[in-house]
Amino acid sequence: MTNATPQRISHWIDGSSTPGTSGRVGPVFNPATGVQTGEVELASAAEVNTAVASAKSAARDWRQASLSRRAAVLFAFRELLHARTDELAAIVTAEHGKVLSDAVGEISRGLENVEYATGVPNLLKGGFSEQASTGVDVYSIRQPLGVVAGITPFNFPVMVPLWMCANAIATGNAFILKPSEKDPSAALFLAQLWKDAGLPDGVFTVVHGDKEAVDTLLRHEDVAAVSFVGSTPIAKYIYETGTAHGKRVQALGGAKNHMVVLPDADIDMAADAAVSAAYGAAGERCMAISVAVAVGGVGDALVDAIAARLPKLTVGNGADADTDMGPLITAEHRDKVAGYIAAGASSGASVVVDGREADLPAEGFFLGTTLLDHVTADMSVYTDEIFGPVLSVVRADTYDDALALINANQFANGTAIFTRDGGAARQFQFDVEVGMIGINVPIPVPVAYYSFGGWKASLFGDNHMYGPEGINFYTRGKVVTSRWPDPATSTVDLGFPRTR
């Protein structure tokens, strides 16, 4: 089913909507209905070059803007984003499919990063050492990189761009956003808000596209840094290509987040958390819980408690107030996730709840909640990032077995432990080789004044995203050693400078 007049979705270059010239477009669907609602321009290399040239010119002026002026723009943007959250959430739901409350939550977490960036006058304060040597002072400053780019995923079309652009712009850079072509309209809404907040034209740019646009950004000599969130194979490609062309790169990859449930845990609390974290946004979150590790004899009670909650969830159009879980992003992805369920069953996993057999809307890209038990580490439902509403339960005899399972996994984005034992929780946070840890918290996404990032195949690059590490990523340090002329003490000395 298609819409007779899909909306044309163009780029945003030099402060205004800019129709594409490549002649290439991609379809945009409402996943809840299966109807094509738009067609997005796909930029050519020449169009990306035009966007970079505009951003480069804007960056020269923006880096000279005072810290107070930058903060004022950030504050104004924050107010507009807060006031128009419901409008933006409706756009997210229409193109991604997540329920409205989830879309509002996404925007709220992005807003936290904007609020953090408003403190840029304090965040960019350097150090000063008077009289480091006789008559010599030393101080440090941080300066912007110039033009930086963000390549963002479909699952968080607002939050992830705000992870990047708020700090990048606050620190004096021009930012180019290449959003997912699956749900591109939210990026244009953000662009208009930046303009309305007083950001100079060219400092925030949106270029839609596919691999051609991405490769052009990765190879362009005037793009100094690239931030990315997506799958591990693409993250590795982004990192290797960008760094090979002299860029600073932070590339966040895939995940397989485990939730360990110890025998002393509150089972109802753990089940509530597992359902919320596994099936929210139809499992299309990089911090979703996709594996529950039941330790000791807790497995049967945990599986029963989770299974009892699933029939109470309403799967449907995310725009409806009574919907708990919306569709997947595309029909192809839905079918891929369904294939993982079949593979798990054929490999010996017990299908406790089968989302393929759920009572679902006839139109749209829906799949019901699925619960698999007795999953083992050699099954594809365990080894692969499914990115759908599928929760696997793995049985572990002991804490040590659970820990070894997690530490052997290639992904290390987030993990959680549910227990009443403070000692066990503290030992877990010490032992586990994962970047973000939740203790009785199933989705441990850090607040904006910390930083987000995993380990191992979940992150390529040295800097985590947003927070203090985000400020460092979008700036580079400079140390100044200063002495004012004193002819009476001036001499020729070819020795290496000493501080005594």
Protein backbone atom coordinates (compact mmCIF):
# COMPACT_ATOMS: atom_id res chain seq x y z
CA MET A 1 0.00 0.00 0.00
CA THR A 2 1.44 3.42 -0.92
CA ASN A 3 0.47 7.02 -0.44
CA ALA A 4 -0.51 8.77 -3.69
CA THR A 5 1.54 11.87 -2.79
CA PRO A 6 4.47 11.05 -0.51
CA GLN A 7 6.05 14.07 1.14
CA ARG A 8 9.41 15.09 -0.33
CA ILE A 9 12.06 15.29 2.41
CA SER A 10 14.99 17.51 1.46
CA HIS A 11 18.36 18.46 2.93
CA TRP A 12 19.03 21.45 5.22
CA ILE A 13 22.02 23.42 4.00
CA ASP A 14 23.08 26.96 4.89
CA GLY A 15 20.04 27.53 7.06
CA SER A 16 17.21 26.45 4.77
CA SER A 17 15.52 23.46 3.18
CA THR A 18 17.50 22.55 0.07
CA PRO A 19 16.05 20.23 -2.58
CA GLY A 20 18.39 17.53 -3.79
CA THR A 21 19.87 17.37 -7.27
CA SER A 22 21.03 13.74 -7.40
CA GLY A 23 17.69 12.43 -8.61
CA ARG A 24 17.90 9.59 -6.10
CA VAL A 25 15.34 9.13 -3.32
CA GLY A 26 14.45 6.53 -0.72
CA PRO A 27 11.00 5.58 0.62
CA VAL A 28 9.85 6.56 4.11
CA PHE A 29 7.04 4.52 5.69
CA ASN A 30 4.71 4.73 8.63
CA PRO A 31 5.61 1.34 10.14
CA ALA A 32 2.25 1.08 11.90
CA THR A 33 0.29 1.17 8.64
CA GLY A 34 2.79 0.07 6.02
CA VAL A 35 1.92 3.19 4.03
CA GLN A 36 4.68 5.14 2.29
CA THR A 37 4.42 8.67 3.65
CA GLY A 38 7.52 10.26 2.19
CA GLU A 39 10.51 10.03 -0.07
CA VAL A 40 13.82 11.31 1.17
CA GLU A 41 16.51 12.84 -1.01
CA LEU A 42 19.74 10.83 -1.18
CA ALA A 43 22.70 13.14 -1.57
CA SER A 44 25.41 12.77 -4.15
CA ALA A 45 29.06 13.40 -3.34
CA ALA A 46 28.75 16.83 -4.95
CA GLU A 47 25.86 17.75 -2.65
CA VAL A 48 27.81 16.62 0.41
CA ASN A 49 30.74 18.74 -0.75
CA THR A 50 28.43 21.76 -0.98
CA ALA A 51 27.18 21.13 2.54
CA VAL A 52 30.72 20.80 3.90
CA ALA A 53 31.77 24.04 2.21
CA SER A 54 28.85 25.86 3.84
CA ALA A 55 29.68 24.35 7.23
CA LYS A 56 33.37 25.23 6.88
CA SER A 57 32.55 28.87 6.23
CA ALA A 58 30.12 28.97 9.16
CA ALA A 59 32.63 27.29 11.48
CA ARG A 60 35.17 30.09 10.96
CA ASP A 61 32.73 32.63 12.34
CA TRP A 62 31.06 30.45 14.98
CA ARG A 63 34.34 29.60 16.72
CA GLN A 64 34.80 33.33 17.33
CA ALA A 65 31.40 33.64 19.02
CA SER A 66 31.72 34.35 22.73
CA LEU A 67 30.97 31.61 25.19
CA SER A 68 28.06 33.64 26.53
CA ARG A 69 26.56 33.92 23.04
CA ARG A 70 26.91 30.18 22.45
CA ALA A 71 25.29 29.47 25.80
CA ALA A 72 22.43 31.85 24.96
CA VAL A 73 21.72 29.96 21.72
CA LEU A 74 21.81 26.65 23.60
CA PHE A 75 19.39 27.99 26.21
CA ALA A 76 17.02 29.24 23.51
CA PHE A 77 17.21 25.89 21.71
CA ARG A 78 16.50 24.11 24.97
CA GLU A 79 13.36 26.17 25.54
CA LEU A 80 12.07 25.54 22.02
CA LEU A 81 12.76 21.82 22.25
CA HIS A 82 10.96 21.63 25.58
CA ALA A 83 7.96 23.62 24.34
CA ARG A 84 7.56 21.61 21.13
CA THR A 85 8.27 18.13 22.47
CA ASP A 86 4.81 16.81 21.63
CA GLU A 87 5.09 17.90 17.98
CA LEU A 88 8.48 16.29 17.62
CA ALA A 89 7.32 13.11 19.37
CA ALA A 90 4.47 12.76 16.87
CA ILE A 91 6.99 12.95 14.01
CA VAL A 92 9.13 10.26 15.62
CA THR A 93 6.16 7.96 16.14
CA ALA A 94 4.91 8.46 12.59
CA GLU A 95 8.21 7.40 11.01
CA HIS A 96 9.79 5.10 13.60
CA GLY A 97 6.68 3.52 15.13
CA LYS A 98 7.57 3.74 18.83
CA VAL A 99 4.75 4.73 21.16
CA LEU A 100 4.30 8.43 21.90
CA SER A 101 5.35 8.14 25.53
CA ASP A 102 8.58 6.46 24.42
CA ALA A 103 9.19 9.19 21.85
CA VAL A 104 8.66 11.83 24.53
CA GLY A 105 11.10 9.96 26.77
CA GLU A 106 13.69 9.91 23.99
CA ILE A 107 13.40 13.66 23.55
CA SER A 108 13.63 14.18 27.29
CA ARG A 109 16.93 12.28 27.46
CA GLY A 110 18.23 14.29 24.51
CA LEU A 111 17.17 17.47 26.27
CA GLU A 112 19.42 16.53 29.19
CA ASN A 113 22.40 16.74 26.85
CA VAL A 114 21.37 20.17 25.63
CA GLU A 115 21.08 21.32 29.23
CA TYR A 116 24.55 19.97 29.96
CA ALA A 117 25.96 21.83 26.96
CA THR A 118 24.49 25.14 28.12
CA GLY A 119 27.22 25.06 30.76
CA VAL A 120 29.90 25.46 28.08
CA PRO A 121 31.51 28.52 29.74
CA ASN A 122 32.37 26.32 32.69
CA LEU A 123 33.05 23.18 30.64
CA LEU A 124 35.76 24.91 28.59
CA LYS A 125 37.64 26.42 31.52
CA GLY A 126 41.30 25.57 31.28
CA GLY A 127 44.08 25.47 33.87
CA PHE A 128 46.62 28.16 34.77
CA SER A 129 49.95 27.85 36.53
CA GLU A 130 51.60 31.10 37.52
CA GLN A 131 55.38 31.22 37.84
CA ALA A 132 55.95 27.74 36.39
CA SER A 133 59.44 29.03 35.87
CA THR A 134 60.86 32.42 36.79
CA GLY A 135 58.66 34.95 35.02
CA VAL A 136 56.92 32.20 33.04
CA ASP A 137 53.24 31.24 33.19
CA VAL A 138 51.67 28.12 31.66
CA TYR A 139 48.01 27.64 30.85
CA SER A 140 45.79 25.29 28.87
CA ILE A 141 42.90 25.97 26.52
CA ARG A 142 40.60 23.81 24.39
CA GLN A 143 39.61 24.84 20.87
CA PRO A 144 37.04 23.51 18.37
CA LEU A 145 37.98 21.15 15.55
CA GLY A 146 36.05 22.92 12.77
CA VAL A 147 33.55 20.83 10.79
CA VAL A 148 32.36 17.63 12.48
CA ALA A 149 29.79 15.08 11.34
CA GLY A 150 27.30 12.75 13.00
CA ILE A 151 25.91 9.60 11.38
CA THR A 152 22.93 8.45 13.41
CA PRO A 153 20.63 5.39 13.56
CA PHE A 154 16.91 5.02 12.99
CA ASN A 155 16.05 3.88 16.50
CA PHE A 156 16.70 7.23 18.21
CA PRO A 157 16.23 9.94 15.56
CA VAL A 158 16.27 12.72 18.17
CA MET A 159 18.23 11.57 21.20
CA VAL A 160 21.36 10.35 19.42
CA PRO A 161 21.75 13.48 17.26
CA LEU A 162 21.43 15.54 20.45
CA TRP A 163 24.13 13.41 22.08
CA MET A 164 26.41 14.76 19.39
CA CYS A 165 25.34 18.16 18.13
CA ALA A 166 24.73 19.88 21.48
CA ASN A 167 28.35 19.53 22.63
CA ALA A 168 29.77 19.98 19.14
CA ILE A 169 27.98 23.28 18.61
CA ALA A 170 28.54 24.52 22.16
CA THR A 171 32.29 24.04 21.79
CA GLY A 172 32.39 26.12 18.60
CA ASN A 173 32.17 23.58 15.77
CA ALA A 174 29.86 23.38 12.77
CA PHE A 175 27.92 20.12 12.79
CA ILE A 176 26.69 18.05 9.82
CA LEU A 177 24.02 15.45 10.59
CA LYS A 178 23.50 12.44 8.32
CA PRO A 179 20.39 10.84 9.87
CA SER A 180 18.93 7.48 9.02
CA GLU A 181 17.04 7.56 5.75
CA LYS A 182 14.32 5.44 7.38
CA ASP A 183 13.04 8.26 9.64
CA PRO A 184 14.64 11.52 8.49
CA SER A 185 12.01 14.15 9.32
CA ALA A 186 12.96 14.63 12.97
CA ALA A 187 16.37 15.92 11.87
CA LEU A 188 14.74 18.71 9.86
CA PHE A 189 12.57 19.66 12.84
CA LEU A 190 15.74 20.00 14.93
CA ALA A 191 17.33 22.12 12.19
CA GLN A 192 14.43 24.57 12.26
CA LEU A 193 14.61 24.77 16.06
CA TRP A 194 18.32 25.59 15.90
CA LYS A 195 17.60 28.34 13.40
CA ASP A 196 14.75 29.73 15.50
CA ALA A 197 17.10 29.70 18.52
CA GLY A 198 19.46 32.06 16.72
CA LEU A 199 22.14 29.65 15.54
CA PRO A 200 23.89 31.12 12.48
CA ASP A 201 23.17 29.50 9.13
CA GLY A 202 25.53 26.68 8.24
CA VAL A 203 26.44 25.73 11.82
CA PHE A 204 23.85 22.92 11.81
CA THR A 205 23.40 21.06 8.53
CA VAL A 206 21.34 18.02 7.57
CA VAL A 207 22.37 15.86 4.62
CA HIS A 208 20.26 12.81 3.87
CA GLY A 209 21.79 9.89 2.08
CA ASP A 210 23.16 6.40 1.91
CA LYS A 211 26.67 4.96 1.57
CA GLU A 212 27.70 7.57 -1.00
CA ALA A 213 27.02 10.39 1.44
CA VAL A 214 28.66 8.54 4.32
CA ASP A 215 31.81 7.74 2.34
CA THR A 216 32.10 11.33 1.17
CA LEU A 217 31.98 12.59 4.75
CA LEU A 218 34.52 9.97 5.87
CA ARG A 219 36.98 10.96 3.16
CA HIS A 220 36.42 14.73 3.01
CA GLU A 221 39.54 16.66 3.99
CA ASP A 222 37.50 19.41 5.68
CA VAL A 223 35.62 17.09 8.04
CA ALA A 224 37.72 16.82 11.19
CA ALA A 225 35.73 14.27 13.22
CA VAL A 226 32.91 11.76 12.82
CA SER A 227 30.54 10.37 15.45
CA PHE A 228 28.53 7.24 14.69
CA VAL A 229 25.99 4.96 16.32
CA GLY A 230 24.88 1.75 14.60
CA SER A 231 25.78 -1.90 14.07
CA THR A 232 29.25 -3.27 14.84
CA PRO A 233 30.25 -4.09 11.23
CA ILE A 234 29.38 -0.57 10.09
CA ALA A 235 30.97 0.99 13.19
CA LYS A 236 34.21 -0.82 12.39
CA TYR A 237 34.03 0.39 8.79
CA ILE A 238 33.35 3.97 9.90
CA TYR A 239 36.27 3.88 12.33
CA GLU A 240 38.77 2.34 9.95
CA THR A 241 37.82 4.55 7.00
CA GLY A 242 37.62 7.77 9.00
CA THR A 243 40.87 7.28 10.86
CA ALA A 244 42.63 6.26 7.64
CA HIS A 245 41.70 9.71 6.35
CA GLY A 246 43.07 11.49 9.39
CA LYS A 247 39.82 11.99 11.33
CA ARG A 248 38.98 11.67 14.95
CA VAL A 249 36.27 8.97 15.17
CA GLN A 250 33.96 7.63 17.85
CA ALA A 251 31.89 4.75 16.48
CA LEU A 252 29.43 2.98 18.77
CA GLY A 253 28.49 -0.51 17.60
CA GLY A 254 26.13 -3.31 18.48
CA ALA A 255 25.09 -4.85 21.76
CA LYS A 256 23.91 -8.01 23.46
CA ASN A 257 22.94 -6.75 26.89
CA HIS A 258 22.64 -9.32 29.68
CA MET A 259 20.57 -9.01 32.83
CA VAL A 260 21.79 -11.31 35.59
CA VAL A 261 19.15 -12.40 38.10
CA LEU A 262 20.57 -13.90 41.28
CA PRO A 263 18.55 -16.30 43.47
CA ASP A 264 17.96 -13.62 46.12
CA ALA A 265 16.47 -11.10 43.69
CA ASP A 266 12.92 -9.80 43.94
CA ILE A 267 11.39 -11.86 41.11
CA ASP A 268 8.49 -9.52 40.43
CA MET A 269 10.81 -6.53 40.26
CA ALA A 270 13.19 -8.41 37.98
CA ALA A 271 10.36 -9.56 35.71
CA ASP A 272 8.95 -6.05 35.43
CA ALA A 273 12.40 -4.76 34.55
CA ALA A 274 13.07 -7.50 32.00
CA VAL A 275 9.77 -6.91 30.20
CA SER A 276 10.24 -3.13 30.18
CA ALA A 277 13.82 -3.31 28.95
CA ALA A 278 13.39 -6.12 26.44
CA TYR A 279 10.21 -5.03 24.68
CA GLY A 280 10.21 -1.24 24.91
CA ALA A 281 10.46 0.27 21.42
CA ALA A 282 9.93 -3.29 20.12
CA GLY A 283 13.45 -4.13 21.28
CA GLU A 284 15.00 -1.69 18.82
CA ARG A 285 17.35 -0.14 21.37
CA CYS A 286 21.10 -0.59 21.69
CA MET A 287 20.58 -0.72 25.46
CA ALA A 288 17.69 -3.20 25.35
CA ILE A 289 17.98 -6.28 27.54
CA SER A 290 18.07 -9.20 25.13
CA VAL A 291 19.42 -11.92 27.46
CA ALA A 292 18.23 -12.72 30.98
CA VAL A 293 20.76 -14.88 32.81
CA ALA A 294 18.94 -16.88 35.49
CA VAL A 295 21.39 -18.01 38.18
CA GLY A 296 20.87 -21.12 40.29
CA GLY A 297 17.28 -22.19 40.76
CA VAL A 298 15.64 -18.88 39.88
CA GLY A 299 15.00 -19.74 36.23
CA ASP A 300 11.54 -21.30 36.36
CA ALA A 301 10.08 -18.58 38.58
CA LEU A 302 11.61 -15.82 36.43
CA VAL A 303 10.37 -17.31 33.15
CA ASP A 304 6.87 -17.80 34.57
CA ALA A 305 6.77 -14.22 35.87
CA ILE A 306 7.89 -12.75 32.54
CA ALA A 307 5.50 -14.94 30.53
CA ALA A 308 2.58 -13.91 32.75
CA ARG A 309 3.15 -10.25 31.92
CA LEU A 310 3.34 -10.51 28.14
CA PRO A 311 -0.37 -11.13 27.37
CA LYS A 312 -1.16 -7.87 29.17
CA LEU A 313 0.82 -5.81 26.64
CA THR A 314 -1.05 -4.13 23.78
CA VAL A 315 0.78 -4.19 20.46
CA GLY A 316 -0.44 -1.65 17.93
CA ASN A 317 -0.10 1.82 16.45
CA GLY A 318 2.24 3.88 18.60
CA ALA A 319 0.01 6.92 18.16
CA ASP A 320 -2.79 5.22 20.12
CA ALA A 321 -2.80 6.05 23.82
CA ASP A 322 -3.38 2.46 24.98
CA THR A 323 -0.53 0.92 22.94
CA ASP A 324 2.43 -0.50 24.85
CA MET A 325 4.59 -1.62 21.92
CA GLY A 326 4.61 -0.49 18.32
CA PRO A 327 5.86 -2.06 15.07
CA LEU A 328 9.36 -2.74 13.82
CA ILE A 329 10.96 -0.26 11.44
CA THR A 330 10.50 -2.19 8.16
CA ALA A 331 8.84 -5.31 6.84
CA GLU A 332 12.26 -6.73 5.97
CA HIS A 333 13.51 -6.27 9.52
CA ARG A 334 10.35 -7.82 10.97
CA ASP A 335 10.86 -10.89 8.80
CA LYS A 336 14.53 -11.09 9.80
CA VAL A 337 13.61 -11.07 13.50
CA ALA A 338 10.97 -13.73 12.90
CA GLY A 339 13.67 -15.81 11.24
CA TYR A 340 15.76 -15.65 14.42
CA ILE A 341 12.82 -17.02 16.41
CA ALA A 342 12.53 -19.94 14.01
CA ALA A 343 16.27 -20.55 14.19
CA GLY A 344 16.17 -20.54 18.00
CA ALA A 345 13.37 -23.08 18.05
CA SER A 346 15.13 -25.36 15.58
CA SER A 347 18.33 -25.13 17.65
CA GLY A 348 16.59 -26.42 20.76
CA ALA A 349 15.40 -23.30 22.57
CA SER A 350 11.97 -23.52 24.22
CA VAL A 351 9.54 -21.01 22.71
CA VAL A 352 7.57 -19.96 25.78
CA VAL A 353 5.78 -17.08 24.04
CA ASP A 354 5.83 -16.88 20.24
CA GLY A 355 5.41 -13.40 18.79
CA ARG A 356 4.77 -14.82 15.35
CA GLU A 357 1.47 -16.23 16.58
CA ALA A 358 0.27 -13.07 18.34
CA ASP A 359 -2.98 -11.31 17.45
CA LEU A 360 -1.57 -8.31 15.59
CA PRO A 361 -2.88 -5.52 13.34
CA ALA A 362 -3.30 -6.65 9.76
CA GLU A 363 -1.36 -3.69 8.33
CA GLY A 364 2.08 -2.49 9.33
CA PHE A 365 5.31 -4.16 10.36
CA PHE A 366 4.28 -5.85 13.59
CA LEU A 367 5.71 -8.77 15.51
CA GLY A 368 4.56 -9.84 18.95
CA THR A 369 6.66 -10.26 22.07
CA THR A 370 8.72 -13.45 22.13
CA LEU A 371 10.24 -15.28 25.10
CA LEU A 372 12.76 -18.08 24.58
CA ASP A 373 14.03 -20.31 27.38
CA HIS A 374 16.97 -22.72 27.63
CA VAL A 375 18.97 -20.68 25.14
CA THR A 376 22.65 -21.60 24.88
CA ALA A 377 25.68 -19.56 23.88
CA ASP A 378 26.08 -21.30 20.52
CA MET A 379 22.62 -20.36 19.20
CA SER A 380 22.24 -17.44 16.77
CA VAL A 381 19.54 -15.95 18.99
CA TYR A 382 22.30 -15.52 21.56
CA THR A 383 25.32 -14.66 19.43
CA ASP A 384 23.65 -12.08 17.14
CA GLU A 385 22.17 -8.70 17.89
CA ILE A 386 18.54 -9.33 16.93
CA PHE A 387 17.21 -5.80 17.53
CA GLY A 388 13.64 -6.90 18.02
CA PRO A 389 11.12 -7.95 20.69
CA VAL A 390 12.87 -11.20 21.57
CA LEU A 391 14.11 -12.04 25.07
CA SER A 392 16.33 -15.10 25.56
CA VAL A 393 16.75 -16.77 28.93
CA VAL A 394 20.04 -18.53 29.60
CA ARG A 395 20.41 -20.73 32.67
CA ALA A 396 23.64 -20.45 34.70
CA ASP A 397 24.50 -22.61 37.70
CA THR A 398 26.55 -19.99 39.55
CA TYR A 399 27.48 -16.32 39.63
CA ASP A 400 30.87 -17.21 38.18
CA ASP A 401 29.22 -19.00 35.26
CA ALA A 402 27.03 -15.95 34.56
CA LEU A 403 30.02 -13.63 34.72
CA ALA A 404 32.07 -15.82 32.38
CA LEU A 405 29.20 -15.88 29.88
CA ILE A 406 29.03 -12.09 29.75
CA ASN A 407 32.78 -11.54 29.64
CA ALA A 408 33.15 -14.02 26.77
CA ASN A 409 30.63 -12.13 24.61
CA GLN A 410 32.01 -9.90 21.87
CA PHE A 411 29.58 -7.10 22.78
CA ALA A 412 30.03 -5.06 25.93
CA ASN A 413 27.63 -2.14 25.77
CA GLY A 414 25.46 -2.47 28.89
CA THR A 415 24.59 -5.05 31.51
CA ALA A 416 22.57 -5.28 34.71
CA ILE A 417 22.37 -7.36 37.85
CA PHE A 418 19.31 -7.89 40.03
CA THR A 419 20.02 -8.84 43.62
CA ARG A 420 19.46 -7.80 47.23
CA ASP A 421 23.11 -8.54 48.05
CA GLY A 422 25.22 -5.37 48.05
CA GLY A 423 28.43 -7.34 48.14
CA ALA A 424 27.48 -9.36 45.08
CA ALA A 425 26.47 -6.20 43.22
CA ARG A 426 29.75 -4.48 44.05
CA GLN A 427 31.73 -7.54 42.98
CA PHE A 428 29.80 -7.65 39.70
CA GLN A 429 30.57 -4.04 38.83
CA PHE A 430 34.23 -4.78 39.59
CA ASP A 431 34.41 -8.04 37.61
CA VAL A 432 32.25 -7.51 34.55
CA GLU A 433 33.93 -6.34 31.32
CA VAL A 434 31.17 -4.02 30.10
CA GLY A 435 31.05 -0.25 29.73
CA MET A 436 27.75 0.58 31.44
CA ILE A 437 26.44 -1.26 34.49
CA GLY A 438 23.00 -1.28 36.11
CA ILE A 439 22.42 -2.49 39.67
CA ASN A 440 18.69 -3.23 39.86
CA VAL A 441 18.45 -0.81 36.91
CA PRO A 442 17.80 -2.60 33.61
CA ILE A 443 18.76 0.18 31.14
CA PRO A 444 21.75 1.99 32.65
CA VAL A 445 21.99 4.89 30.17
CA PRO A 446 24.15 7.46 31.98
CA VAL A 447 22.87 10.92 32.79
CA ALA A 448 24.21 13.71 30.60
CA TYR A 449 27.01 14.76 32.94
CA TYR A 450 28.62 11.33 32.62
CA SER A 451 29.40 9.71 29.25
CA PHE A 452 27.85 6.90 27.20
CA GLY A 453 29.86 4.07 25.70
CA GLY A 454 30.55 0.37 25.73
CA TRP A 455 33.66 -1.79 25.50
CA LYS A 456 35.02 -4.34 23.03
CA ALA A 457 32.99 -4.62 19.79
CA SER A 458 30.47 -2.07 21.08
CA LEU A 459 32.87 0.88 20.67
CA PHE A 460 35.58 1.80 18.20
CA GLY A 461 37.62 4.80 19.32
CA ASP A 462 38.89 6.17 22.61
CA ASN A 463 36.13 8.63 23.55
CA HIS A 464 32.69 7.75 24.85
CA MET A 465 29.77 9.91 23.78
CA TYR A 466 28.39 13.10 25.34
CA GLY A 467 29.22 14.38 28.82
CA PRO A 468 32.86 15.22 29.67
CA GLU A 469 34.26 12.87 27.04
CA GLY A 470 32.01 14.47 24.44
CA ILE A 471 33.46 17.88 25.23
CA ASN A 472 36.97 16.45 24.83
CA PHE A 473 36.05 14.70 21.58
CA TYR A 474 34.90 17.91 19.88
CA THR A 475 37.85 20.00 21.04
CA ARG A 476 41.62 19.72 21.08
CA GLY A 477 43.96 20.92 23.75
CA LYS A 478 46.53 23.65 23.48
CA VAL A 479 49.10 24.56 26.13
CA VAL A 480 50.57 28.07 26.17
CA THR A 481 53.87 28.88 27.86
CA SER A 482 54.12 32.65 28.30
CA ARG A 483 56.84 35.10 29.34
CA TRP A 484 56.66 38.85 28.84
CA PRO A 485 59.87 40.60 27.73
CA ASP A 486 62.32 41.73 30.41
CA PRO A 487 65.44 42.93 28.62
CA ALA A 488 67.44 42.89 31.87
CA THR A 489 67.13 39.10 32.18
CA SER A 490 67.37 38.20 28.48
CA THR A 491 70.29 35.95 27.49
CA VAL A 492 71.20 33.45 24.77
CA ASP A 493 70.91 29.88 26.09
CA LEU A 494 70.99 26.91 23.72
CA GLY A 495 70.31 24.38 26.48
CA PHE A 496 67.00 22.58 26.85
CA PRO A 497 64.51 24.78 28.77
CA ARG A 498 64.43 24.02 32.51
CA THR A 499 61.90 25.08 35.11
CA ARG A 500 64.35 25.70 37.94
